[in-house]
Amino acid sequence: MKVVLDSNIFISAFFWEGSPRRVLERSIRGDDELFVCREILDEISAVLLRPKFGVEPIFLDYLIKSIEEIARPAPIVQPIPLVCRDPQDNKILACAAAGRAEFIVTGDEDLLVLTEYAGIKIVSADAYLESF
């Protein structure tokens, strides 16, 4: 499957066991084709640099480089119309459209309420795993 993971899925996968980690592991194994854009990587960086996580910059660089190694770039070449309740989430939709993804996996209710965008299914990590 072609998939885009929201930053919250990456962050959950990095720090905790559970469905988000299993979703990311599918891409690491090559079961899924993962797409990412610079905007998602920037959001992951900004969140992980918050004191709550206490991530050292050198470890953050390692995490970002690891994502870049397993994911295919899907640069956002044109912005999409504002679709989400939270305009910050439109980058996820734009990345998925650029990569021609089949799924967006997220834990964000502002995205999940859409259920689909331009033929791309928007699902939770649990729902994504249950589809196999």
Protein backbone atom coordinates (compact mmCIF):
# COMPACT_ATOMS: atom_id res chain seq x y z
CA MET A 1 0.00 0.00 0.00
CA LYS A 2 1.06 3.58 -0.59
CA VAL A 3 0.79 5.38 2.73
CA VAL A 4 1.45 8.72 4.41
CA LEU A 5 1.83 8.78 8.18
CA ASP A 6 0.89 11.84 10.17
CA SER A 7 3.59 13.17 12.47
CA ASN A 8 1.67 11.88 15.52
CA ILE A 9 2.00 8.31 14.19
CA PHE A 10 5.76 8.67 13.75
CA ILE A 11 6.18 10.14 17.24
CA SER A 12 4.05 7.44 18.86
CA ALA A 13 5.96 4.76 16.95
CA PHE A 14 9.31 6.13 18.15
CA PHE A 15 8.44 6.14 21.85
CA TRP A 16 5.74 3.56 22.54
CA GLU A 17 4.68 0.04 21.63
CA GLY A 18 1.38 -0.35 19.85
CA SER A 19 -0.39 0.10 16.56
CA PRO A 20 1.55 3.17 15.35
CA ARG A 21 4.80 1.25 15.74
CA ARG A 22 3.39 -1.74 13.87
CA VAL A 23 2.25 0.57 11.06
CA LEU A 24 5.75 2.07 10.75
CA GLU A 25 7.31 -1.40 10.88
CA ARG A 26 5.28 -2.36 7.79
CA SER A 27 7.13 0.34 5.86
CA ILE A 28 10.49 -0.65 7.32
CA ARG A 29 9.90 -4.24 6.14
CA GLY A 30 8.82 -3.02 2.72
CA ASP A 31 5.19 -4.12 3.05
CA ASP A 32 4.07 -0.54 2.44
CA GLU A 33 5.45 2.28 0.33
CA LEU A 34 5.85 5.22 2.70
CA PHE A 35 5.77 8.81 1.45
CA VAL A 36 6.86 11.90 3.36
CA CYS A 37 7.31 15.60 2.66
CA ARG A 38 9.61 18.18 4.20
CA GLU A 39 6.67 19.77 6.02
CA ILE A 40 5.91 16.54 7.93
CA LEU A 41 9.59 16.10 8.83
CA ASP A 42 9.72 19.71 10.04
CA GLU A 43 6.67 19.16 12.24
CA ILE A 44 8.20 15.99 13.74
CA SER A 45 11.37 17.97 14.50
CA ALA A 46 9.49 20.86 16.09
CA VAL A 47 7.44 18.56 18.31
CA LEU A 48 10.36 16.38 19.41
CA LEU A 49 12.42 19.43 20.38
CA ARG A 50 9.79 20.39 22.97
CA PRO A 51 10.97 19.89 26.57
CA LYS A 52 8.25 17.26 27.08
CA PHE A 53 10.21 14.82 24.91
CA GLY A 54 13.73 15.87 25.85
CA VAL A 55 15.14 14.62 22.55
CA GLU A 56 18.76 15.59 21.94
CA PRO A 57 19.39 17.22 18.56
CA ILE A 58 21.78 14.44 17.51
CA PHE A 59 19.11 11.79 18.20
CA LEU A 60 16.52 13.89 16.37
CA ASP A 61 18.82 14.03 13.33
CA TYR A 62 19.10 10.24 13.49
CA LEU A 63 15.30 9.82 13.58
CA ILE A 64 14.75 12.20 10.65
CA LYS A 65 17.48 10.53 8.57
CA SER A 66 15.95 7.14 9.36
CA ILE A 67 12.59 8.30 8.04
CA GLU A 68 14.23 9.70 4.92
CA GLU A 69 15.93 6.36 4.30
CA ILE A 70 12.71 4.32 4.32
CA ALA A 71 10.32 6.87 2.80
CA ARG A 72 10.00 8.20 -0.69
CA PRO A 73 9.87 11.98 -1.01
CA ALA A 74 6.52 13.47 -1.97
CA PRO A 75 7.21 17.18 -2.18
CA ILE A 76 4.20 19.44 -2.03
CA VAL A 77 4.28 21.25 -5.34
CA GLN A 78 0.94 22.98 -5.08
CA PRO A 79 -1.10 23.78 -2.03
CA ILE A 80 -4.52 22.21 -1.76
CA PRO A 81 -7.69 24.09 -0.84
CA LEU A 82 -8.24 24.43 2.87
CA VAL A 83 -10.10 21.24 3.72
CA CYS A 84 -9.30 20.46 7.36
CA ARG A 85 -10.75 22.09 10.45
CA ASP A 86 -7.11 22.64 11.45
CA PRO A 87 -5.33 24.30 8.51
CA GLN A 88 -2.00 22.85 9.74
CA ASP A 89 -3.28 19.40 8.74
CA ASN A 90 -3.65 20.31 5.07
CA LYS A 91 0.03 19.47 4.57
CA ILE A 92 -0.79 15.82 5.31
CA LEU A 93 -3.45 15.81 2.60
CA ALA A 94 -1.14 17.61 0.16
CA CYS A 95 1.68 15.11 0.80
CA ALA A 96 -0.68 12.17 0.28
CA ALA A 97 -1.96 13.70 -2.96
CA ALA A 98 1.60 14.36 -4.18
CA GLY A 99 2.60 10.75 -3.45
CA ARG A 100 -0.65 9.36 -4.82
CA ALA A 101 -1.10 7.54 -1.54
CA GLU A 102 -3.93 5.15 -0.89
CA PHE A 103 -4.03 5.77 2.87
CA ILE A 104 -3.30 8.46 5.41
CA VAL A 105 -2.74 6.99 8.88
CA THR A 106 -3.33 9.44 11.70
CA GLY A 107 -4.48 9.83 15.27
CA ASP A 108 -5.73 13.37 14.62
CA GLU A 109 -9.50 13.75 14.89
CA ASP A 110 -9.42 16.78 12.58
CA LEU A 111 -8.25 14.43 9.80
CA LEU A 112 -10.14 11.30 10.85
CA VAL A 113 -13.52 13.06 10.57
CA LEU A 114 -12.88 13.48 6.84
CA THR A 115 -12.62 9.66 6.33
CA GLU A 116 -11.40 10.27 2.77
CA TYR A 117 -9.80 12.94 0.62
CA ALA A 118 -9.53 12.69 -3.18
CA GLY A 119 -9.90 8.92 -3.01
CA ILE A 120 -7.32 8.58 -0.20
CA LYS A 121 -8.67 6.78 2.85
CA ILE A 122 -7.97 8.46 6.19
CA VAL A 123 -7.79 5.95 9.02
CA SER A 124 -6.42 5.33 12.49
CA ALA A 125 -3.46 3.03 13.01
CA ASP A 126 -5.75 0.33 14.40
CA ALA A 127 -8.12 0.56 11.43
CA TYR A 128 -5.20 0.46 9.01
CA LEU A 129 -3.81 -2.71 10.57
CA GLU A 130 -7.26 -4.32 10.66
CA SER A 131 -7.58 -3.87 6.89
CA PHE A 132 -4.95 -6.58 6.32
